[in-house]
């Protein structure tokens, strides 16, 4: 049976960052990921990050991923790809599937960076070919260079919906409209402004009522919503579209954390059900840490910092590294959660910490 001091499940931005920091502290680290390509969502992100220089402002997502991979390889991190993790046992065994059958990895600490699943909407015609998540469309255009359709309706105006809509325009598709159920857009104004300058309409207090077509999407019907998010009779509007993309949030992938016995809590502001964890991202199972979207859906920059924190903290629990780096990362996370968009997430994290302390008392 293989052994590692620290096993990281998930080779996305949070997982690679965790592995990198743990290896820097001197830990023997193995990363397991079910995909055959590492890097997670970063390698679909062709846009430049913005914010502060310490958070990779001006750097495209795939370049950040390439740097993380390179640094992990230089520090001797073992990255095992195409291995879906199946479960975690109380003795620290991580069981995963390979082409040769089921294998085990014994670890003293486990960092779960499993990410999140995209949410779906259900409406008449939602099972038609041409209806997909925004992430699926992004994979098609940025990884496979294939347009999902010619005329695209985007449902949801968070940053994911706004950014992928612009990338669809860059790839040659026509974005007929963005639709948002809330009275205002959910993402950053800088992303929405680029779409408006390109002539893309953004409709608020609207939702998709149905997709029209027999064998594939041929059109969509939108309907207005009142202040209670109920459809307003007589407000139906037909748009010509052959593709519907849904960017309506993410749900943390907590299955492995549940198998490991981690206690859960429900925080809508962070995507729903997540493992309880302390300020260093340690769960109620002291062997298991979490980082990235499994610890609460936030931005990619936050996932990277959480990965760093989990890697440092897990190594520290084994007597490796120093406390100085841990404090510095916590301060950067606090900065990322400041301002209009971050305040709710910071409050949610404080609520989690308070609940964690009560659970461990």
Protein backbone atom coordinates (compact mmCIF):
# COMPACT_ATOMS: atom_id res chain seq x y z
CA UNK A 1 0.00 0.00 0.00
CA UNK A 2 1.38 3.43 -0.94
CA UNK A 3 1.99 6.02 1.74
CA UNK A 4 2.22 9.82 1.91
CA UNK A 5 2.40 12.27 4.75
CA UNK A 6 -0.26 14.40 3.07
CA UNK A 7 -2.75 13.30 0.42
CA UNK A 8 -4.52 15.99 -1.59
CA UNK A 9 -7.70 15.00 -3.42
CA UNK A 10 -8.30 17.39 -6.29
CA UNK A 11 -5.72 18.91 -8.64
CA UNK A 12 -7.48 22.21 -9.22
CA UNK A 13 -6.23 25.61 -8.02
CA UNK A 14 -6.92 24.87 -4.35
CA UNK A 15 -5.46 21.35 -4.45
CA UNK A 16 -2.29 22.31 -6.31
CA UNK A 17 -1.75 25.30 -4.02
CA UNK A 18 -2.19 23.06 -0.96
CA UNK A 19 0.24 20.50 -2.33
CA UNK A 20 2.78 23.19 -3.15
CA UNK A 21 2.76 24.76 0.31
CA UNK A 22 2.84 21.39 2.09
CA UNK A 23 5.82 20.32 -0.04
CA UNK A 24 7.59 23.62 0.66
CA UNK A 25 7.20 22.85 4.36
CA UNK A 26 8.98 19.54 3.79
CA UNK A 27 6.04 17.14 3.59
CA UNK A 28 5.84 14.16 1.25
CA UNK A 29 2.73 14.93 -0.83
CA UNK A 30 0.60 12.94 -3.26
CA UNK A 31 -2.19 14.53 -5.31
CA UNK A 32 -5.05 12.43 -6.69
CA UNK A 33 -7.50 13.67 -9.31
CA UNK A 34 -10.18 11.88 -11.33
CA UNK A 35 -9.43 13.95 -14.44
CA UNK A 36 -6.65 13.15 -16.86
CA UNK A 37 -5.56 16.79 -16.97
CA UNK A 38 -4.57 18.70 -13.83
CA UNK A 39 -5.39 22.32 -13.11
CA UNK A 40 -9.15 22.13 -12.66
CA UNK A 41 -11.03 25.22 -13.79
CA UNK A 42 -7.89 27.30 -14.28
CA UNK A 43 -7.12 25.72 -17.64
CA UNK A 44 -10.49 26.84 -19.01
CA UNK A 45 -9.95 30.44 -17.90
CA UNK A 46 -8.46 32.46 -20.73
CA UNK A 47 -9.34 35.82 -19.15
CA UNK A 48 -6.93 37.87 -17.07
CA UNK A 49 -7.38 37.95 -13.31
CA UNK A 50 -7.80 41.38 -11.76
CA UNK A 51 -7.38 42.77 -8.29
CA UNK A 52 -4.03 43.00 -6.52
CA UNK A 53 -0.67 41.96 -7.92
CA UNK A 54 -0.22 39.41 -5.13
CA UNK A 55 -3.37 37.70 -6.43
CA UNK A 56 -2.06 37.37 -10.00
CA UNK A 57 -3.76 40.47 -11.44
CA UNK A 58 -3.14 40.64 -15.19
CA UNK A 59 -2.35 36.91 -15.47
CA UNK A 60 -4.60 34.55 -17.41
CA UNK A 61 -6.07 31.61 -15.50
CA UNK A 62 -4.35 28.89 -17.53
CA UNK A 63 -0.96 30.56 -16.97
CA UNK A 64 -1.56 30.50 -13.21
CA UNK A 65 -2.34 26.80 -13.46
CA UNK A 66 0.82 26.14 -15.48
CA UNK A 67 2.90 27.89 -12.82
CA UNK A 68 1.37 25.86 -10.00
CA UNK A 69 2.02 22.62 -11.87
CA UNK A 70 5.60 23.56 -12.61
CA UNK A 71 6.29 24.49 -8.99
CA UNK A 72 4.74 21.24 -7.71
CA UNK A 73 6.85 19.16 -10.09
CA UNK A 74 10.03 20.96 -9.03
CA UNK A 75 9.30 20.14 -5.37
CA UNK A 76 8.68 16.46 -6.08
CA UNK A 77 4.91 16.36 -5.54
CA UNK A 78 3.46 13.13 -6.95
CA UNK A 79 0.41 13.94 -9.12
CA UNK A 80 -1.74 10.90 -9.92
CA UNK A 81 -4.29 11.61 -12.67
CA UNK A 82 -7.32 9.66 -13.87
CA UNK A 83 -7.85 8.18 -10.40
CA UNK A 84 -11.36 8.83 -9.00
CA UNK A 85 -11.30 8.77 -5.18
CA UNK A 86 -13.94 6.36 -3.86
CA UNK A 87 -13.74 6.81 -0.10
CA UNK A 88 -11.78 7.65 3.03
CA UNK A 89 -11.35 5.26 5.96
CA UNK A 90 -10.78 6.19 9.64
CA UNK A 91 -7.15 5.01 9.49
CA UNK A 92 -6.32 7.57 6.80
CA UNK A 93 -6.67 5.27 3.81
CA UNK A 94 -7.80 6.97 0.63
CA UNK A 95 -9.31 4.40 -1.73
CA UNK A 96 -9.30 5.24 -5.43
CA UNK A 97 -9.93 3.54 -8.73
CA UNK A 98 -7.29 2.91 -11.41
CA UNK A 99 -7.15 1.06 -14.72
CA UNK A 100 -5.59 -1.81 -12.77
CA UNK A 101 -8.33 -1.88 -10.16
CA UNK A 102 -8.97 -0.33 -6.75
CA UNK A 103 -5.89 0.95 -4.91
CA UNK A 104 -5.23 2.55 -1.50
CA UNK A 105 -3.07 5.39 -0.29
CA UNK A 106 -2.39 5.79 3.42
CA UNK A 107 -1.94 9.40 4.57
CA UNK A 108 -1.36 11.08 7.91
CA UNK A 109 -3.35 14.12 6.73
CA UNK A 110 -5.87 14.49 3.91
CA UNK A 111 -6.74 17.75 2.16
CA UNK A 112 -10.02 17.69 0.24
CA UNK A 113 -10.08 20.13 -2.67
CA UNK A 114 -12.87 18.47 -4.61
CA UNK A 115 -14.51 21.65 -5.91
CA UNK A 116 -18.18 22.04 -6.74
CA UNK A 117 -20.84 20.90 -9.18
CA UNK A 118 -22.80 23.30 -11.36
CA UNK A 119 -26.47 23.75 -10.53
CA UNK A 120 -29.24 23.26 -13.09
CA UNK A 121 -32.63 24.77 -13.72
CA UNK A 122 -35.58 22.59 -14.69
CA UNK A 123 -38.14 23.99 -17.13
CA UNK A 124 -40.13 22.79 -20.09
CA UNK A 125 -37.63 21.69 -22.71
CA UNK A 126 -34.66 21.61 -20.34
CA UNK A 127 -33.85 18.10 -21.58
CA UNK A 128 -33.43 19.22 -25.20
CA UNK A 129 -30.02 19.04 -26.90
CA UNK A 130 -28.60 22.54 -26.74
CA UNK A 131 -29.39 23.07 -23.03
CA UNK A 132 -26.23 22.89 -20.93
CA UNK A 133 -24.37 24.43 -18.03
CA UNK A 134 -22.12 27.43 -18.62
CA UNK A 135 -19.11 25.36 -17.56
CA UNK A 136 -19.85 22.83 -20.29
CA UNK A 137 -19.91 25.62 -22.86
CA UNK A 138 -16.63 26.99 -21.51
CA UNK A 139 -15.01 23.58 -21.80
CA UNK A 140 -16.17 23.28 -25.40
CA UNK A 141 -14.85 26.64 -26.56
CA UNK A 142 -11.67 26.99 -24.50
CA UNK A 143 -10.44 23.40 -24.39
CA UNK A 144 -11.92 21.76 -27.49
CA UNK A 145 -12.34 24.84 -29.73
CA UNK A 146 -15.94 23.88 -30.54
CA UNK A 147 -18.87 26.30 -30.48
CA UNK A 148 -21.82 24.94 -28.48
CA UNK A 149 -24.18 26.88 -30.74
CA UNK A 150 -24.59 29.99 -32.87
CA UNK A 151 -27.16 31.94 -30.84
CA UNK A 152 -26.77 31.53 -27.08
CA UNK A 153 -29.00 32.60 -24.20
CA UNK A 154 -27.18 32.80 -20.86
CA UNK A 155 -29.24 32.34 -17.70
CA UNK A 156 -27.51 33.91 -14.69
CA UNK A 157 -25.42 37.07 -14.37
CA UNK A 158 -22.91 36.14 -11.69
CA UNK A 159 -19.27 36.39 -12.68
CA UNK A 160 -19.38 32.94 -14.28
CA UNK A 161 -22.27 33.89 -16.56
CA UNK A 162 -20.78 37.26 -17.46
CA UNK A 163 -17.26 36.00 -18.16
CA UNK A 164 -18.32 32.95 -20.17
CA UNK A 165 -20.75 35.06 -22.19
CA UNK A 166 -17.88 37.31 -23.23
CA UNK A 167 -15.75 34.29 -24.06
CA UNK A 168 -18.58 32.95 -26.24
CA UNK A 169 -18.54 36.25 -28.12
CA UNK A 170 -14.79 35.96 -28.57
CA UNK A 171 -15.24 32.42 -29.91
CA UNK A 172 -17.67 33.63 -32.57
CA UNK A 173 -21.09 32.91 -31.07
CA UNK A 174 -23.87 35.46 -30.79
CA UNK A 175 -25.10 35.96 -27.22
CA UNK A 176 -28.72 36.95 -27.73
CA UNK A 177 -29.22 37.97 -24.07
CA UNK A 178 -28.38 37.36 -20.45
CA UNK A 179 -31.27 36.71 -18.09
CA UNK A 180 -31.24 37.30 -14.32
CA UNK A 181 -34.07 36.45 -11.90
CA UNK A 182 -32.91 39.04 -9.35
CA UNK A 183 -33.56 42.77 -9.81
CA UNK A 184 -29.83 43.40 -10.38
CA UNK A 185 -26.88 41.58 -11.91
CA UNK A 186 -24.95 39.30 -9.58
CA UNK A 187 -21.38 39.79 -10.86
CA UNK A 188 -18.86 42.57 -11.16
CA UNK A 189 -19.87 45.64 -13.18
CA UNK A 190 -16.60 45.54 -15.11
CA UNK A 191 -17.63 42.23 -16.71
CA UNK A 192 -21.19 43.38 -17.42
CA UNK A 193 -19.93 46.60 -19.02
CA UNK A 194 -17.89 44.68 -21.60
CA UNK A 195 -21.00 42.81 -22.68
CA UNK A 196 -23.14 45.94 -22.84
CA UNK A 197 -20.50 47.66 -24.98
CA UNK A 198 -20.71 44.67 -27.33
CA UNK A 199 -24.47 45.22 -27.63
CA UNK A 200 -25.60 42.24 -25.55
CA UNK A 201 -28.83 42.95 -23.64
CA UNK A 202 -29.03 41.99 -19.96
CA UNK A 203 -32.54 41.41 -18.63
CA UNK A 204 -33.16 41.48 -14.88
CA UNK A 205 -36.25 40.25 -13.03
CA UNK A 206 -36.66 37.69 -15.82
CA UNK A 207 -36.24 33.96 -16.15
CA UNK A 208 -36.56 31.28 -18.78
CA UNK A 209 -40.04 29.78 -18.95
CA UNK A 210 -39.41 27.14 -21.60
CA UNK A 211 -37.11 26.04 -24.38
CA UNK A 212 -38.89 25.64 -27.70
CA UNK A 213 -38.14 22.84 -30.14
CA UNK A 214 -38.70 19.17 -30.87
CA UNK A 215 -35.26 17.65 -31.52
CA UNK A 216 -33.09 20.58 -30.40
CA UNK A 217 -33.44 24.11 -29.06
CA UNK A 218 -34.99 26.46 -31.64
CA UNK A 219 -36.06 29.29 -29.36
CA UNK A 220 -36.75 30.28 -25.76
CA UNK A 221 -39.61 31.95 -23.97
CA UNK A 222 -38.75 34.39 -21.19
CA UNK A 223 -41.13 35.61 -18.51
CA UNK A 224 -40.95 38.57 -16.12
CA UNK A 225 -40.84 37.99 -12.35
CA UNK A 226 -42.45 40.06 -9.60
CA UNK A 227 -40.83 41.03 -6.30
CA UNK A 228 -41.67 37.56 -4.95
CA UNK A 229 -39.94 35.87 -7.91
CA UNK A 230 -43.28 34.66 -9.25
CA UNK A 231 -44.00 34.76 -13.03
CA UNK A 232 -46.06 37.75 -14.15
CA UNK A 233 -48.92 36.61 -16.41
CA UNK A 234 -48.89 37.97 -19.96
CA UNK A 235 -45.18 38.87 -20.00
CA UNK A 236 -43.93 36.02 -22.18
CA UNK A 237 -41.34 36.98 -24.79
CA UNK A 238 -39.90 34.68 -27.47
CA UNK A 239 -36.23 34.90 -28.47
CA UNK A 240 -34.55 33.01 -31.29
CA UNK A 241 -31.77 30.84 -29.83
CA UNK A 242 -30.25 27.42 -30.44
CA UNK A 243 -28.41 27.11 -27.11
CA UNK A 244 -29.28 27.75 -23.47
CA UNK A 245 -26.44 28.02 -20.94
CA UNK A 246 -27.14 27.99 -17.21
CA UNK A 247 -24.87 29.84 -14.82
CA UNK A 248 -27.05 29.52 -11.73
CA UNK A 249 -24.57 28.75 -9.00
CA UNK A 250 -22.46 25.90 -7.69
CA UNK A 251 -22.92 23.27 -4.98
CA UNK A 252 -19.84 22.06 -3.03
CA UNK A 253 -18.87 18.41 -3.60
CA UNK A 254 -18.90 17.15 -0.02
CA UNK A 255 -19.39 13.40 -0.52
CA UNK A 256 -15.85 12.40 0.48
CA UNK A 257 -15.95 14.70 3.49
CA UNK A 258 -19.18 13.04 4.60
CA UNK A 259 -17.60 9.59 4.18
CA UNK A 260 -14.69 10.79 6.33
CA UNK A 261 -17.14 11.63 9.14
CA UNK A 262 -16.81 15.41 8.89
CA UNK A 263 -19.73 17.31 10.41
CA UNK A 264 -21.65 19.51 7.97
CA UNK A 265 -23.40 22.84 8.09
CA UNK A 266 -25.66 24.62 5.60
CA UNK A 267 -24.56 28.10 4.50
CA UNK A 268 -26.53 29.40 1.46
CA UNK A 269 -24.10 32.30 0.94
CA UNK A 270 -21.31 29.77 0.32
CA UNK A 271 -23.22 27.39 -1.95
CA UNK A 272 -25.13 25.19 0.51
CA UNK A 273 -23.89 22.25 2.55
CA UNK A 274 -20.18 22.38 3.48
CA UNK A 275 -17.95 20.72 6.10
CA UNK A 276 -17.54 22.57 9.37
CA UNK A 277 -13.97 23.84 9.64
CA UNK A 278 -11.80 26.10 11.77
CA UNK A 279 -9.78 29.16 10.72
CA UNK A 280 -7.04 26.86 9.41
CA UNK A 281 -9.55 24.79 7.37
CA UNK A 282 -9.31 21.72 9.62
CA UNK A 283 -12.62 19.84 9.84
CA UNK A 284 -14.18 18.09 12.82
CA UNK A 285 -12.10 15.08 11.72
CA UNK A 286 -8.61 16.31 12.72
CA UNK A 287 -7.02 14.30 9.91
CA UNK A 288 -9.03 16.07 7.21
CA UNK A 289 -8.67 19.61 5.86
CA UNK A 290 -10.72 21.32 3.16
CA UNK A 291 -9.88 24.07 0.65
CA UNK A 292 -11.56 25.80 -2.26
CA UNK A 293 -15.20 25.39 -3.23
CA UNK A 294 -15.77 22.43 -0.90
CA UNK A 295 -15.12 24.88 1.96
CA UNK A 296 -17.57 27.38 0.44
CA UNK A 297 -17.99 28.60 -3.13
CA UNK A 298 -15.97 31.77 -3.70
CA UNK A 299 -13.54 33.19 -6.28
CA UNK A 300 -10.53 31.44 -7.81
CA UNK A 301 -8.13 33.74 -5.95
CA UNK A 302 -9.75 32.74 -2.66
CA UNK A 303 -9.51 29.05 -3.58
CA UNK A 304 -5.79 29.44 -4.21
CA UNK A 305 -5.25 31.15 -0.86
CA UNK A 306 -7.35 28.58 0.97
CA UNK A 307 -5.29 25.85 -0.64
CA UNK A 308 -2.13 27.52 0.59
CA UNK A 309 -3.56 27.81 4.09
CA UNK A 310 -4.69 24.17 4.20
CA UNK A 311 -1.30 22.97 2.96
CA UNK A 312 0.60 25.04 5.51
CA UNK A 313 -1.74 24.10 8.36
CA UNK A 314 -1.72 20.37 7.55
CA UNK A 315 2.09 20.41 7.43
CA UNK A 316 2.23 22.36 10.70
CA UNK A 317 0.06 19.72 12.38
CA UNK A 318 2.82 17.24 11.51
CA UNK A 319 5.50 19.51 12.96
CA UNK A 320 6.66 20.90 9.61
CA UNK A 321 7.04 24.51 8.46
CA UNK A 322 6.42 27.66 10.49
CA UNK A 323 3.52 29.77 11.71
CA UNK A 324 4.57 32.97 9.93
CA UNK A 325 3.34 31.85 6.51
CA UNK A 326 0.04 30.69 8.01
CA UNK A 327 -0.73 34.12 9.44
CA UNK A 328 0.19 35.87 6.19
CA UNK A 329 -2.24 33.75 4.17
CA UNK A 330 -5.04 34.36 6.68
CA UNK A 331 -4.51 38.10 6.28
CA UNK A 332 -4.68 37.84 2.48
CA UNK A 333 -7.92 35.86 2.74
CA UNK A 334 -9.39 38.57 4.95
CA UNK A 335 -8.45 41.17 2.33
CA UNK A 336 -10.13 39.13 -0.44
CA UNK A 337 -13.33 38.98 1.60
CA UNK A 338 -13.52 42.71 2.20
CA UNK A 339 -15.70 45.11 0.21
CA UNK A 340 -19.20 44.87 -1.20
CA UNK A 341 -18.96 41.33 -2.60
CA UNK A 342 -16.76 39.81 0.09
CA UNK A 343 -18.51 41.00 3.25
CA UNK A 344 -21.24 38.33 3.14
CA UNK A 345 -18.65 35.60 2.60
CA UNK A 346 -16.56 36.84 5.51
CA UNK A 347 -19.62 36.89 7.78
CA UNK A 348 -20.47 33.36 6.64
CA UNK A 349 -16.94 32.19 7.46
CA UNK A 350 -17.22 33.72 10.93
CA UNK A 351 -20.54 31.90 11.43
CA UNK A 352 -18.84 28.62 10.44
CA UNK A 353 -16.02 29.19 12.90
CA UNK A 354 -18.48 29.89 15.71
CA UNK A 355 -20.46 26.72 14.89
CA UNK A 356 -17.23 24.71 14.68
CA UNK A 357 -16.18 25.80 18.15
CA UNK A 358 -19.58 24.82 19.52
CA UNK A 359 -19.39 21.42 17.85
CA UNK A 360 -15.90 20.75 19.24
CA UNK A 361 -16.65 21.99 22.77
